[in-house]
Amino acid sequence: MTKRILVAHDFSEPANRALALAADLAKALGASLDVVHVHPEVYAGRGEPALGLPWPAPDQEERYLRFLDTELERLVALVVGDDTLQVTRHVVRGDPVKAIEATVAELGADMLCQGSTGKGTVARALLGSVSQLLLRTSKIPVLTVH
């Protein structure tokens, strides 16, 4: 039985759709809902910088992480729009795949929900994508929303 759902959110439209679906599932199942955004330590060629903004200078990193949390809070309120469902936000740094897998383990999540990639076939083949890597490596069920 699904008791805790984690949504990996990268500020994309597919991630918003994944959040909306996960919120509906959490309500229907009586599960808790967590949302994680990962800010990469070093841009590794996968995904896009959060919100399309330039990388912050090292002395502005904490401020930038607080900004990301505020944006995540705003999106959760906009997309979920239901005060009866409590959503816990997590903004972490690191490699997106490793950080999401670590968050799954730390929270004891039993389902991961994520948006699909917006890249074309060639870019996906050359660069890979966080969603594809998580589909291959996750130890729990992964729901990918297009």
C-alpha atoms as a PDB file:
ATOM      1  CA  MET A   1       0.000   0.000   0.000  1.00  0.00           C
ATOM      2  CA  THR A   2       1.244   3.470  -0.878  1.00  0.00           C
ATOM      3  CA  LYS A   3       1.668   5.641   2.222  1.00  0.00           C
ATOM      4  CA  ARG A   4       4.207   8.254   1.103  1.00  0.00           C
ATOM      5  CA  ILE A   5       4.557   9.746  -2.375  1.00  0.00           C
ATOM      6  CA  LEU A   6       7.584  11.794  -3.413  1.00  0.00           C
ATOM      7  CA  VAL A   7       7.390  14.131  -6.402  1.00  0.00           C
ATOM      8  CA  ALA A   8      10.640  15.116  -8.103  1.00  0.00           C
ATOM      9  CA  HIS A   9      10.053  18.673  -9.352  1.00  0.00           C
ATOM     10  CA  ASP A  10      12.244  20.655 -11.746  1.00  0.00           C
ATOM     11  CA  PHE A  11       9.907  23.632 -12.346  1.00  0.00           C
ATOM     12  CA  SER A  12       8.757  22.257 -15.707  1.00  0.00           C
ATOM     13  CA  GLU A  13       5.201  21.809 -16.950  1.00  0.00           C
ATOM     14  CA  PRO A  14       5.483  17.988 -16.880  1.00  0.00           C
ATOM     15  CA  ALA A  15       6.601  18.292 -13.230  1.00  0.00           C
ATOM     16  CA  ASN A  16       3.524  20.420 -12.473  1.00  0.00           C
ATOM     17  CA  ARG A  17       1.311  17.748 -14.053  1.00  0.00           C
ATOM     18  CA  ALA A  18       3.113  15.076 -12.005  1.00  0.00           C
ATOM     19  CA  LEU A  19       2.513  17.121  -8.848  1.00  0.00           C
ATOM     20  CA  ALA A  20      -1.197  17.484  -9.624  1.00  0.00           C
ATOM     21  CA  LEU A  21      -1.583  13.750 -10.261  1.00  0.00           C
ATOM     22  CA  ALA A  22       0.426  12.835  -7.164  1.00  0.00           C
ATOM     23  CA  ALA A  23      -1.746  15.160  -5.054  1.00  0.00           C
ATOM     24  CA  ASP A  24      -4.885  13.433  -6.361  1.00  0.00           C
ATOM     25  CA  LEU A  25      -3.340  10.023  -5.630  1.00  0.00           C
ATOM     26  CA  ALA A  26      -2.269  11.077  -2.137  1.00  0.00           C
ATOM     27  CA  LYS A  27      -5.791  12.272  -1.336  1.00  0.00           C
ATOM     28  CA  ALA A  28      -7.385   9.107  -2.726  1.00  0.00           C
ATOM     29  CA  LEU A  29      -4.953   6.793  -0.912  1.00  0.00           C
ATOM     30  CA  GLY A  30      -4.653   8.779   2.304  1.00  0.00           C
ATOM     31  CA  ALA A  31      -0.914   9.055   1.644  1.00  0.00           C
ATOM     32  CA  SER A  32       1.439  11.858   2.577  1.00  0.00           C
ATOM     33  CA  LEU A  33       3.015  13.957  -0.169  1.00  0.00           C
ATOM     34  CA  ASP A  34       6.560  15.305  -0.387  1.00  0.00           C
ATOM     35  CA  VAL A  35       8.088  17.382  -3.178  1.00  0.00           C
ATOM     36  CA  VAL A  36      11.827  17.580  -3.819  1.00  0.00           C
ATOM     37  CA  HIS A  37      13.790  19.926  -6.037  1.00  0.00           C
ATOM     38  CA  VAL A  38      17.475  19.235  -6.555  1.00  0.00           C
ATOM     39  CA  HIS A  39      19.878  22.052  -7.290  1.00  0.00           C
ATOM     40  CA  PRO A  40      22.925  20.428  -8.925  1.00  0.00           C
ATOM     41  CA  GLU A  41      26.288  21.089  -7.309  1.00  0.00           C
ATOM     42  CA  VAL A  42      27.839  21.237 -10.758  1.00  0.00           C
ATOM     43  CA  TYR A  43      25.908  21.445 -14.003  1.00  0.00           C
ATOM     44  CA  ALA A  44      26.447  17.997 -15.524  1.00  0.00           C
ATOM     45  CA  GLY A  45      24.756  18.492 -18.901  1.00  0.00           C
ATOM     46  CA  ARG A  46      21.445  16.921 -17.803  1.00  0.00           C
ATOM     47  CA  GLY A  47      18.301  18.917 -17.379  1.00  0.00           C
ATOM     48  CA  GLU A  48      18.019  22.666 -17.288  1.00  0.00           C
ATOM     49  CA  PRO A  49      19.029  25.186 -14.646  1.00  0.00           C
ATOM     50  CA  ALA A  50      16.143  25.746 -12.235  1.00  0.00           C
ATOM     51  CA  LEU A  51      13.719  28.344 -13.576  1.00  0.00           C
ATOM     52  CA  GLY A  52      16.160  29.154 -16.381  1.00  0.00           C
ATOM     53  CA  LEU A  53      18.237  31.342 -14.060  1.00  0.00           C
ATOM     54  CA  PRO A  54      22.034  31.543 -14.059  1.00  0.00           C
ATOM     55  CA  TRP A  55      23.939  29.609 -11.407  1.00  0.00           C
ATOM     56  CA  PRO A  56      24.445  31.627  -8.242  1.00  0.00           C
ATOM     57  CA  ALA A  57      27.834  32.693  -6.986  1.00  0.00           C
ATOM     58  CA  PRO A  58      29.031  30.544  -4.061  1.00  0.00           C
ATOM     59  CA  ASP A  59      28.331  33.323  -1.536  1.00  0.00           C
ATOM     60  CA  GLN A  60      24.711  33.507  -2.764  1.00  0.00           C
ATOM     61  CA  GLU A  61      24.007  29.752  -2.703  1.00  0.00           C
ATOM     62  CA  GLU A  62      21.926  29.699   0.523  1.00  0.00           C
ATOM     63  CA  ARG A  63      19.891  32.682  -0.608  1.00  0.00           C
ATOM     64  CA  TYR A  64      19.265  30.957  -3.940  1.00  0.00           C
ATOM     65  CA  LEU A  65      18.155  27.741  -2.184  1.00  0.00           C
ATOM     66  CA  ARG A  66      15.683  29.773  -0.084  1.00  0.00           C
ATOM     67  CA  PHE A  67      14.421  31.370  -3.307  1.00  0.00           C
ATOM     68  CA  LEU A  68      13.912  27.896  -4.822  1.00  0.00           C
ATOM     69  CA  ASP A  69      11.987  26.797  -1.730  1.00  0.00           C
ATOM     70  CA  THR A  70       9.764  29.879  -1.965  1.00  0.00           C
ATOM     71  CA  GLU A  71       9.091  29.159  -5.649  1.00  0.00           C
ATOM     72  CA  LEU A  72       8.339  25.529  -4.830  1.00  0.00           C
ATOM     73  CA  GLU A  73       5.931  26.647  -2.096  1.00  0.00           C
ATOM     74  CA  ARG A  74       4.179  28.962  -4.587  1.00  0.00           C
ATOM     75  CA  LEU A  75       3.876  26.208  -7.192  1.00  0.00           C
ATOM     76  CA  VAL A  76       2.546  23.693  -4.677  1.00  0.00           C
ATOM     77  CA  ALA A  77      -0.146  26.168  -3.618  1.00  0.00           C
ATOM     78  CA  LEU A  78      -0.988  26.915  -7.248  1.00  0.00           C
ATOM     79  CA  VAL A  79      -1.003  23.328  -8.521  1.00  0.00           C
ATOM     80  CA  VAL A  80      -2.377  21.483  -5.481  1.00  0.00           C
ATOM     81  CA  GLY A  81      -4.615  24.309  -4.296  1.00  0.00           C
ATOM     82  CA  ASP A  82      -6.031  22.257  -1.420  1.00  0.00           C
ATOM     83  CA  ASP A  83      -5.293  23.176   2.178  1.00  0.00           C
ATOM     84  CA  THR A  84      -6.464  19.769   3.402  1.00  0.00           C
ATOM     85  CA  LEU A  85      -3.440  18.038   1.867  1.00  0.00           C
ATOM     86  CA  GLN A  86      -0.196  18.858   3.630  1.00  0.00           C
ATOM     87  CA  VAL A  87       2.784  18.892   1.278  1.00  0.00           C
ATOM     88  CA  THR A  88       6.329  18.861   2.620  1.00  0.00           C
ATOM     89  CA  ARG A  89       8.964  20.567   0.477  1.00  0.00           C
ATOM     90  CA  HIS A  90      12.623  19.619   0.203  1.00  0.00           C
ATOM     91  CA  VAL A  91      15.255  21.628  -1.670  1.00  0.00           C
ATOM     92  CA  VAL A  92      18.586  19.843  -1.761  1.00  0.00           C
ATOM     93  CA  ARG A  93      21.909  20.127  -3.565  1.00  0.00           C
ATOM     94  CA  GLY A  94      23.741  17.432  -5.444  1.00  0.00           C
ATOM     95  CA  ASP A  95      23.506  15.107  -8.402  1.00  0.00           C
ATOM     96  CA  PRO A  96      19.775  14.981  -9.234  1.00  0.00           C
ATOM     97  CA  VAL A  97      19.494  11.192  -9.535  1.00  0.00           C
ATOM     98  CA  LYS A  98      21.546  10.461  -6.413  1.00  0.00           C
ATOM     99  CA  ALA A  99      19.819  13.190  -4.396  1.00  0.00           C
ATOM    100  CA  ILE A 100      16.335  11.996  -5.374  1.00  0.00           C
ATOM    101  CA  GLU A 101      17.237   8.391  -4.562  1.00  0.00           C
ATOM    102  CA  ALA A 102      18.672   9.530  -1.202  1.00  0.00           C
ATOM    103  CA  THR A 103      15.490  11.504  -0.463  1.00  0.00           C
ATOM    104  CA  VAL A 104      13.379   8.430  -1.307  1.00  0.00           C
ATOM    105  CA  ALA A 105      15.420   6.376   1.160  1.00  0.00           C
ATOM    106  CA  GLU A 106      15.467   9.069   3.870  1.00  0.00           C
ATOM    107  CA  LEU A 107      11.701   9.588   3.743  1.00  0.00           C
ATOM    108  CA  GLY A 108      10.776   5.945   3.215  1.00  0.00           C
ATOM    109  CA  ALA A 109       8.729   6.922   0.158  1.00  0.00           C
ATOM    110  CA  ASP A 110       6.959   4.055  -1.558  1.00  0.00           C
ATOM    111  CA  MET A 111       6.216   5.817  -4.857  1.00  0.00           C
ATOM    112  CA  LEU A 112       8.117   8.363  -6.921  1.00  0.00           C
ATOM    113  CA  CYS A 113       6.217  10.625  -9.285  1.00  0.00           C
ATOM    114  CA  GLN A 114       8.041  12.742 -11.857  1.00  0.00           C
ATOM    115  CA  GLY A 115       7.527  14.646 -15.057  1.00  0.00           C
ATOM    116  CA  SER A 116       8.822  13.250 -18.303  1.00  0.00           C
ATOM    117  CA  THR A 117      11.643  14.930 -20.133  1.00  0.00           C
ATOM    118  CA  GLY A 118      10.953  17.600 -22.691  1.00  0.00           C
ATOM    119  CA  LYS A 119      14.015  16.777 -24.769  1.00  0.00           C
ATOM    120  CA  GLY A 120      13.930  15.280 -28.238  1.00  0.00           C
ATOM    121  CA  THR A 121      15.136  11.774 -29.049  1.00  0.00           C
ATOM    122  CA  VAL A 122      18.654  12.803 -30.109  1.00  0.00           C
ATOM    123  CA  ALA A 123      19.291  14.978 -27.053  1.00  0.00           C
ATOM    124  CA  ARG A 124      17.903  12.253 -24.791  1.00  0.00           C
ATOM    125  CA  ALA A 125      20.200   9.665 -26.381  1.00  0.00           C
ATOM    126  CA  LEU A 126      23.261  11.885 -26.042  1.00  0.00           C
ATOM    127  CA  LEU A 127      22.627  13.445 -22.647  1.00  0.00           C
ATOM    128  CA  GLY A 128      20.342  11.003 -20.894  1.00  0.00           C
ATOM    129  CA  SER A 129      17.734  12.396 -18.546  1.00  0.00           C
ATOM    130  CA  VAL A 130      17.022  12.337 -14.866  1.00  0.00           C
ATOM    131  CA  SER A 131      13.607  10.769 -15.447  1.00  0.00           C
ATOM    132  CA  GLN A 132      15.026   7.964 -17.584  1.00  0.00           C
ATOM    133  CA  LEU A 133      17.817   7.236 -15.128  1.00  0.00           C
ATOM    134  CA  LEU A 134      15.371   7.118 -12.218  1.00  0.00           C
ATOM    135  CA  LEU A 135      13.117   4.754 -14.159  1.00  0.00           C
ATOM    136  CA  ARG A 136      16.065   2.381 -14.546  1.00  0.00           C
ATOM    137  CA  THR A 137      17.541   2.661 -11.051  1.00  0.00           C
ATOM    138  CA  SER A 138      14.667   3.276  -8.641  1.00  0.00           C
ATOM    139  CA  LYS A 139      13.912   0.618  -6.039  1.00  0.00           C
ATOM    140  CA  ILE A 140      10.284   1.797  -5.756  1.00  0.00           C
ATOM    141  CA  PRO A 141       7.546   2.258  -8.375  1.00  0.00           C
ATOM    142  CA  VAL A 142       8.010   5.336 -10.550  1.00  0.00           C
ATOM    143  CA  LEU A 143       5.097   7.123 -12.169  1.00  0.00           C
ATOM    144  CA  THR A 144       6.235   9.344 -15.043  1.00  0.00           C
ATOM    145  CA  VAL A 145       3.792  11.965 -16.293  1.00  0.00           C
ATOM    146  CA  HIS A 146       4.021  13.506 -19.758  1.00  0.00           C
END
